[in-house]
Amino acid sequence: MIEHPVSDHALVRYMERVLELDVDGMRDFILTKDIKAAMSTGAKSASIGEFKYIFKNNKLVTIHGRSREDG
């Protein structure tokens, strides 16, 4: 994949400051009780609904569709 010239940090700040989206509220929305429960067990991932949530160092780091293979 070709690296985009707009960083993830800049994208988040744009959503937060220009579009005035509640980024912290979005984080809270993503962090459901099921995800919290999986993280509290030290799991590296959890399949919930149609998605697979990937954790590292007790943080949610990415989300994949269930059909995606992890390496």
C-alpha atoms as a PDB file:
ATOM      1  CA  MET A   1       0.000   0.000   0.000  1.00  0.00           C
ATOM      2  CA  ILE A   2       1.292   3.460  -0.888  1.00  0.00           C
ATOM      3  CA  GLU A   3       1.676   5.758   2.109  1.00  0.00           C
ATOM      4  CA  HIS A   4      -0.776   8.656   2.008  1.00  0.00           C
ATOM      5  CA  PRO A   5       0.714  12.135   2.516  1.00  0.00           C
ATOM      6  CA  VAL A   6      -1.883  12.929   5.216  1.00  0.00           C
ATOM      7  CA  SER A   7      -0.896  11.233   8.490  1.00  0.00           C
ATOM      8  CA  ASP A   8      -3.359   9.463  10.765  1.00  0.00           C
ATOM      9  CA  HIS A   9      -2.645  12.130  13.400  1.00  0.00           C
ATOM     10  CA  ALA A  10      -3.554  14.924  10.956  1.00  0.00           C
ATOM     11  CA  LEU A  11      -6.698  13.054   9.934  1.00  0.00           C
ATOM     12  CA  VAL A  12      -7.850  12.723  13.537  1.00  0.00           C
ATOM     13  CA  ARG A  13      -7.108  16.395  14.256  1.00  0.00           C
ATOM     14  CA  TYR A  14      -9.027  17.408  11.106  1.00  0.00           C
ATOM     15  CA  MET A  15     -12.049  15.386  12.205  1.00  0.00           C
ATOM     16  CA  GLU A  16     -11.799  16.840  15.696  1.00  0.00           C
ATOM     17  CA  ARG A  17     -11.053  20.502  14.932  1.00  0.00           C
ATOM     18  CA  VAL A  18     -12.432  21.165  11.455  1.00  0.00           C
ATOM     19  CA  LEU A  19     -15.386  18.786  11.326  1.00  0.00           C
ATOM     20  CA  GLU A  20     -15.922  19.228  15.086  1.00  0.00           C
ATOM     21  CA  LEU A  21     -16.486  15.500  15.625  1.00  0.00           C
ATOM     22  CA  ASP A  22     -16.350  14.230  19.184  1.00  0.00           C
ATOM     23  CA  VAL A  23     -13.327  11.953  18.803  1.00  0.00           C
ATOM     24  CA  ASP A  24     -13.255  10.975  22.488  1.00  0.00           C
ATOM     25  CA  GLY A  25     -16.961  10.163  22.264  1.00  0.00           C
ATOM     26  CA  MET A  26     -16.206   7.937  19.269  1.00  0.00           C
ATOM     27  CA  ARG A  27     -13.506   6.167  21.283  1.00  0.00           C
ATOM     28  CA  ASP A  28     -16.012   5.571  24.099  1.00  0.00           C
ATOM     29  CA  PHE A  29     -18.559   4.264  21.574  1.00  0.00           C
ATOM     30  CA  ILE A  30     -16.026   1.773  20.175  1.00  0.00           C
ATOM     31  CA  LEU A  31     -14.950   0.568  23.629  1.00  0.00           C
ATOM     32  CA  THR A  32     -17.956  -1.648  24.357  1.00  0.00           C
ATOM     33  CA  LYS A  33     -18.327  -3.888  27.403  1.00  0.00           C
ATOM     34  CA  ASP A  34     -17.397  -6.899  25.222  1.00  0.00           C
ATOM     35  CA  ILE A  35     -14.155  -5.270  24.105  1.00  0.00           C
ATOM     36  CA  LYS A  36     -13.327  -4.201  27.662  1.00  0.00           C
ATOM     37  CA  ALA A  37     -13.959  -7.748  28.862  1.00  0.00           C
ATOM     38  CA  ALA A  38     -11.691  -9.248  26.187  1.00  0.00           C
ATOM     39  CA  MET A  39      -8.937  -6.752  26.951  1.00  0.00           C
ATOM     40  CA  SER A  40      -9.172  -7.435  30.689  1.00  0.00           C
ATOM     41  CA  THR A  41      -8.293 -11.096  30.071  1.00  0.00           C
ATOM     42  CA  GLY A  42      -5.100 -10.152  28.248  1.00  0.00           C
ATOM     43  CA  ALA A  43      -6.438 -11.404  24.925  1.00  0.00           C
ATOM     44  CA  LYS A  44      -4.548 -10.440  21.774  1.00  0.00           C
ATOM     45  CA  SER A  45      -7.779 -10.330  19.765  1.00  0.00           C
ATOM     46  CA  ALA A  46     -11.523 -10.862  19.989  1.00  0.00           C
ATOM     47  CA  SER A  47     -14.110 -11.715  17.346  1.00  0.00           C
ATOM     48  CA  ILE A  48     -17.261  -9.774  18.124  1.00  0.00           C
ATOM     49  CA  GLY A  49     -20.093  -9.616  15.636  1.00  0.00           C
ATOM     50  CA  GLU A  50     -18.725  -9.260  12.119  1.00  0.00           C
ATOM     51  CA  PHE A  51     -15.385  -7.857  13.216  1.00  0.00           C
ATOM     52  CA  LYS A  52     -12.106  -8.938  14.776  1.00  0.00           C
ATOM     53  CA  TYR A  53     -10.581  -6.506  17.262  1.00  0.00           C
ATOM     54  CA  ILE A  54      -6.795  -6.603  17.692  1.00  0.00           C
ATOM     55  CA  PHE A  55      -5.164  -5.590  20.991  1.00  0.00           C
ATOM     56  CA  LYS A  56      -1.569  -4.759  21.869  1.00  0.00           C
ATOM     57  CA  ASN A  57      -0.312  -3.590  25.258  1.00  0.00           C
ATOM     58  CA  ASN A  58      -3.880  -3.352  26.542  1.00  0.00           C
ATOM     59  CA  LYS A  59      -4.970  -1.052  23.695  1.00  0.00           C
ATOM     60  CA  LEU A  60      -7.253  -1.621  20.745  1.00  0.00           C
ATOM     61  CA  VAL A  61      -4.914  -1.099  17.797  1.00  0.00           C
ATOM     62  CA  THR A  62      -6.958  -2.135  14.774  1.00  0.00           C
ATOM     63  CA  ILE A  63     -10.192  -3.699  13.590  1.00  0.00           C
ATOM     64  CA  HIS A  64     -10.547  -6.224  10.758  1.00  0.00           C
ATOM     65  CA  GLY A  65     -13.493  -7.727   8.969  1.00  0.00           C
ATOM     66  CA  ARG A  66     -13.860 -11.369  10.022  1.00  0.00           C
ATOM     67  CA  SER A  67     -12.774 -12.649   6.616  1.00  0.00           C
ATOM     68  CA  ARG A  68      -9.347 -11.019   6.851  1.00  0.00           C
ATOM     69  CA  GLU A  69      -6.433 -13.321   7.630  1.00  0.00           C
ATOM     70  CA  ASP A  70      -4.025 -12.131  10.312  1.00  0.00           C
ATOM     71  CA  GLY A  71      -0.314 -12.655   9.942  1.00  0.00           C
END
